[in-house]
Amino acid sequence: MQLYLEGLTYREIERILGISHVSIMNWVKKYNIKRPYNSDYHPTYKILNAPELANYFNNVENIKGAGVIVTELGDKFMLIKWERFKN
């Protein structure tokens, strides 16, 4: 539900978590989840190896004011970052 509240679409959540977008839609309806107004977000996708990922998280400015998800892609990692209310 956090991904939905952050502004990701049902299909984006499906791709990230591997859960059917229909299931996600049903949960949103069941729990009457409403997105906040002015929820502009700007997703950024990066493919990093393990040392690059560690360096990325060592700098707090990289994650300050943003949501981050990391998914394993074999020997690499996909980092998805979205910043809220960015001007």
N, C-alpha and C. Protein backbone atom coordinates (compact mmCIF):
# COMPACT_ATOMS: atom_id res chain seq x y z
N MET A 1 0.82 -1.18 0.00
CA MET A 1 0.00 0.00 0.00
C MET A 1 0.87 1.26 0.00
N GLN A 2 2.05 1.15 0.60
CA GLN A 2 2.95 2.31 0.64
C GLN A 2 3.34 2.74 -0.77
N LEU A 3 3.61 1.79 -1.65
CA LEU A 3 3.97 2.14 -3.02
C LEU A 3 2.82 2.86 -3.71
N TYR A 4 1.61 2.42 -3.48
CA TYR A 4 0.43 3.07 -4.05
C TYR A 4 0.31 4.50 -3.53
N LEU A 5 0.48 4.67 -2.23
CA LEU A 5 0.39 6.00 -1.63
C LEU A 5 1.50 6.93 -2.12
N GLU A 6 2.64 6.34 -2.47
CA GLU A 6 3.75 7.14 -2.98
C GLU A 6 3.54 7.57 -4.43
N GLY A 7 2.52 7.00 -5.09
CA GLY A 7 2.18 7.44 -6.44
C GLY A 7 2.47 6.46 -7.55
N LEU A 8 2.98 5.28 -7.24
CA LEU A 8 3.23 4.30 -8.29
C LEU A 8 1.91 3.75 -8.81
N THR A 9 1.89 3.37 -10.08
CA THR A 9 0.69 2.80 -10.68
C THR A 9 0.56 1.34 -10.27
N TYR A 10 -0.63 0.77 -10.49
CA TYR A 10 -0.86 -0.64 -10.18
C TYR A 10 0.12 -1.52 -10.95
N ARG A 11 0.33 -1.20 -12.21
CA ARG A 11 1.23 -2.01 -13.06
C ARG A 11 2.68 -1.90 -12.59
N GLU A 12 3.11 -0.70 -12.17
CA GLU A 12 4.47 -0.55 -11.67
C GLU A 12 4.67 -1.38 -10.40
N ILE A 13 3.67 -1.35 -9.53
CA ILE A 13 3.75 -2.16 -8.30
C ILE A 13 3.79 -3.64 -8.64
N GLU A 14 2.99 -4.04 -9.62
CA GLU A 14 2.98 -5.44 -10.06
C GLU A 14 4.37 -5.86 -10.53
N ARG A 15 5.02 -5.04 -11.32
CA ARG A 15 6.36 -5.37 -11.84
C ARG A 15 7.39 -5.44 -10.73
N ILE A 16 7.28 -4.56 -9.74
CA ILE A 16 8.26 -4.53 -8.66
C ILE A 16 8.09 -5.70 -7.71
N LEU A 17 6.85 -5.95 -7.28
CA LEU A 17 6.60 -6.95 -6.24
C LEU A 17 6.18 -8.32 -6.76
N GLY A 18 5.76 -8.38 -8.04
CA GLY A 18 5.31 -9.65 -8.59
C GLY A 18 3.93 -10.05 -8.10
N ILE A 19 3.15 -9.06 -7.68
CA ILE A 19 1.77 -9.28 -7.22
C ILE A 19 0.84 -8.72 -8.28
N SER A 20 -0.20 -9.45 -8.61
CA SER A 20 -1.14 -9.03 -9.65
C SER A 20 -1.67 -7.63 -9.38
N HIS A 21 -1.74 -6.83 -10.45
CA HIS A 21 -2.28 -5.47 -10.29
C HIS A 21 -3.75 -5.50 -9.88
N VAL A 22 -4.45 -6.58 -10.24
CA VAL A 22 -5.85 -6.74 -9.84
C VAL A 22 -5.94 -6.93 -8.33
N SER A 23 -5.04 -7.70 -7.75
CA SER A 23 -5.01 -7.88 -6.30
C SER A 23 -4.75 -6.55 -5.60
N ILE A 24 -3.83 -5.78 -6.14
CA ILE A 24 -3.51 -4.48 -5.55
C ILE A 24 -4.74 -3.57 -5.62
N MET A 25 -5.42 -3.55 -6.78
CA MET A 25 -6.64 -2.75 -6.92
C MET A 25 -7.69 -3.17 -5.89
N ASN A 26 -7.84 -4.48 -5.70
CA ASN A 26 -8.81 -4.98 -4.73
C ASN A 26 -8.48 -4.55 -3.30
N TRP A 27 -7.18 -4.57 -2.94
CA TRP A 27 -6.78 -4.14 -1.61
C TRP A 27 -7.06 -2.64 -1.41
N VAL A 28 -6.77 -1.86 -2.44
CA VAL A 28 -7.03 -0.41 -2.36
C VAL A 28 -8.52 -0.16 -2.12
N LYS A 29 -9.36 -0.89 -2.86
CA LYS A 29 -10.81 -0.75 -2.67
C LYS A 29 -11.24 -1.24 -1.29
N LYS A 30 -10.75 -2.42 -0.90
CA LYS A 30 -11.15 -3.04 0.37
C LYS A 30 -10.84 -2.13 1.56
N TYR A 31 -9.66 -1.53 1.56
CA TYR A 31 -9.24 -0.70 2.68
C TYR A 31 -9.50 0.79 2.45
N ASN A 32 -10.18 1.10 1.34
CA ASN A 32 -10.56 2.49 1.02
C ASN A 32 -9.36 3.43 1.10
N ILE A 33 -8.28 3.05 0.45
CA ILE A 33 -7.05 3.82 0.45
C ILE A 33 -7.19 4.99 -0.53
N LYS A 34 -6.85 6.18 -0.08
CA LYS A 34 -6.90 7.38 -0.92
C LYS A 34 -5.52 8.00 -0.98
N ARG A 35 -5.10 8.37 -2.17
CA ARG A 35 -3.82 9.04 -2.34
C ARG A 35 -3.95 10.49 -1.89
N PRO A 36 -2.89 11.04 -1.32
CA PRO A 36 -2.95 12.46 -0.94
C PRO A 36 -2.94 13.34 -2.20
N TYR A 37 -3.51 14.51 -2.09
CA TYR A 37 -3.48 15.45 -3.21
C TYR A 37 -2.06 15.97 -3.39
N ASN A 38 -1.75 16.45 -4.58
CA ASN A 38 -0.42 16.96 -4.91
C ASN A 38 0.66 15.92 -4.68
N SER A 39 0.40 14.70 -5.11
CA SER A 39 1.38 13.62 -4.90
C SER A 39 2.27 13.43 -6.12
N ASP A 40 2.77 14.53 -6.66
CA ASP A 40 3.70 14.43 -7.78
C ASP A 40 4.92 13.65 -7.34
N TYR A 41 5.36 12.74 -8.18
CA TYR A 41 6.57 11.99 -7.87
C TYR A 41 7.41 11.88 -9.13
N HIS A 42 8.68 11.67 -8.94
CA HIS A 42 9.62 11.63 -10.04
C HIS A 42 10.50 10.39 -9.88
N PRO A 43 10.11 9.24 -10.46
CA PRO A 43 10.91 8.03 -10.26
C PRO A 43 12.21 8.08 -11.03
N THR A 44 13.23 7.50 -10.43
CA THR A 44 14.54 7.37 -11.05
C THR A 44 14.95 5.91 -10.93
N TYR A 45 15.42 5.33 -12.01
CA TYR A 45 15.83 3.93 -12.02
C TYR A 45 17.33 3.86 -12.25
N LYS A 46 18.02 3.07 -11.46
CA LYS A 46 19.45 2.87 -11.62
C LYS A 46 19.76 1.38 -11.50
N ILE A 47 20.73 0.92 -12.27
CA ILE A 47 21.23 -0.44 -12.16
C ILE A 47 22.64 -0.33 -11.58
N LEU A 48 22.85 -0.96 -10.43
CA LEU A 48 24.12 -0.84 -9.71
C LEU A 48 24.63 -2.21 -9.30
N ASN A 49 25.96 -2.35 -9.19
CA ASN A 49 26.52 -3.57 -8.60
C ASN A 49 26.59 -3.37 -7.08
N ALA A 50 26.99 -4.37 -6.35
CA ALA A 50 26.97 -4.32 -4.88
C ALA A 50 27.81 -3.17 -4.31
N PRO A 51 29.06 -2.97 -4.74
CA PRO A 51 29.84 -1.86 -4.19
C PRO A 51 29.22 -0.48 -4.51
N GLU A 52 28.68 -0.33 -5.72
CA GLU A 52 28.04 0.93 -6.10
C GLU A 52 26.80 1.19 -5.24
N LEU A 53 26.04 0.13 -4.97
CA LEU A 53 24.85 0.26 -4.13
C LEU A 53 25.24 0.67 -2.70
N ALA A 54 26.29 0.06 -2.17
CA ALA A 54 26.76 0.42 -0.83
C ALA A 54 27.20 1.87 -0.79
N ASN A 55 27.94 2.31 -1.79
CA ASN A 55 28.37 3.72 -1.85
C ASN A 55 27.18 4.66 -1.96
N TYR A 56 26.17 4.26 -2.71
CA TYR A 56 24.98 5.08 -2.88
C TYR A 56 24.31 5.33 -1.53
N PHE A 57 24.15 4.27 -0.73
CA PHE A 57 23.48 4.40 0.57
C PHE A 57 24.36 5.05 1.63
N ASN A 58 25.66 5.11 1.41
CA ASN A 58 26.54 5.79 2.36
C ASN A 58 26.32 7.29 2.37
N ASN A 59 25.79 7.83 1.28
CA ASN A 59 25.54 9.28 1.19
C ASN A 59 24.07 9.53 1.51
N VAL A 60 23.79 10.09 2.69
CA VAL A 60 22.41 10.31 3.13
C VAL A 60 21.65 11.24 2.19
N GLU A 61 22.32 12.11 1.48
CA GLU A 61 21.66 13.03 0.54
C GLU A 61 20.99 12.28 -0.61
N ASN A 62 21.48 11.09 -0.92
CA ASN A 62 20.88 10.29 -2.00
C ASN A 62 19.48 9.79 -1.66
N ILE A 63 19.19 9.63 -0.37
CA ILE A 63 17.89 9.06 0.01
C ILE A 63 17.03 10.01 0.83
N LYS A 64 17.56 11.16 1.17
CA LYS A 64 16.81 12.13 1.98
C LYS A 64 15.59 12.63 1.20
N GLY A 65 14.40 12.54 1.81
CA GLY A 65 13.18 13.04 1.18
C GLY A 65 12.67 12.20 0.02
N ALA A 66 13.03 10.92 0.01
CA ALA A 66 12.65 10.06 -1.11
C ALA A 66 12.27 8.67 -0.62
N GLY A 67 11.53 7.95 -1.45
CA GLY A 67 11.27 6.55 -1.22
C GLY A 67 12.21 5.74 -2.11
N VAL A 68 12.66 4.60 -1.61
CA VAL A 68 13.63 3.79 -2.35
C VAL A 68 13.25 2.32 -2.25
N ILE A 69 13.33 1.62 -3.37
CA ILE A 69 13.16 0.17 -3.39
C ILE A 69 14.36 -0.41 -4.14
N VAL A 70 14.90 -1.50 -3.63
CA VAL A 70 16.01 -2.18 -4.28
C VAL A 70 15.58 -3.61 -4.59
N THR A 71 15.79 -4.02 -5.84
CA THR A 71 15.45 -5.36 -6.29
C THR A 71 16.69 -6.01 -6.89
N GLU A 72 16.91 -7.28 -6.57
CA GLU A 72 18.05 -8.01 -7.10
C GLU A 72 17.80 -8.41 -8.55
N LEU A 73 18.80 -8.20 -9.38
CA LEU A 73 18.75 -8.61 -10.79
C LEU A 73 19.99 -9.43 -11.09
N GLY A 74 20.00 -10.66 -10.65
CA GLY A 74 21.19 -11.49 -10.85
C GLY A 74 22.34 -10.98 -10.02
N ASP A 75 23.43 -10.56 -10.66
CA ASP A 75 24.59 -10.04 -9.93
C ASP A 75 24.53 -8.53 -9.78
N LYS A 76 23.44 -7.90 -10.19
CA LYS A 76 23.26 -6.45 -10.08
C LYS A 76 21.98 -6.15 -9.30
N PHE A 77 21.75 -4.88 -9.03
CA PHE A 77 20.57 -4.45 -8.29
C PHE A 77 19.91 -3.29 -9.03
N MET A 78 18.58 -3.30 -9.06
CA MET A 78 17.85 -2.18 -9.62
C MET A 78 17.35 -1.34 -8.45
N LEU A 79 17.70 -0.07 -8.46
CA LEU A 79 17.27 0.85 -7.43
C LEU A 79 16.24 1.78 -8.04
N ILE A 80 15.07 1.83 -7.44
CA ILE A 80 14.02 2.74 -7.88
C ILE A 80 13.83 3.76 -6.78
N LYS A 81 13.96 5.01 -7.14
CA LYS A 81 13.87 6.10 -6.17
C LYS A 81 12.83 7.08 -6.69
N TRP A 82 11.96 7.55 -5.81
CA TRP A 82 11.02 8.58 -6.21
C TRP A 82 11.02 9.67 -5.16
N GLU A 83 11.06 10.90 -5.64
CA GLU A 83 11.08 12.06 -4.75
C GLU A 83 9.72 12.73 -4.79
N ARG A 84 9.21 13.07 -3.62
CA ARG A 84 7.92 13.71 -3.52
C ARG A 84 8.07 15.22 -3.51
N PHE A 85 7.11 15.87 -4.13
CA PHE A 85 7.01 17.33 -4.07
C PHE A 85 8.28 18.03 -4.54
N LYS A 86 8.90 17.50 -5.55
CA LYS A 86 10.13 18.08 -6.09
C LYS A 86 9.75 19.27 -6.98
N ASN A 87 10.43 20.37 -6.83
CA ASN A 87 10.16 21.56 -7.65
C ASN A 87 10.89 21.50 -8.96
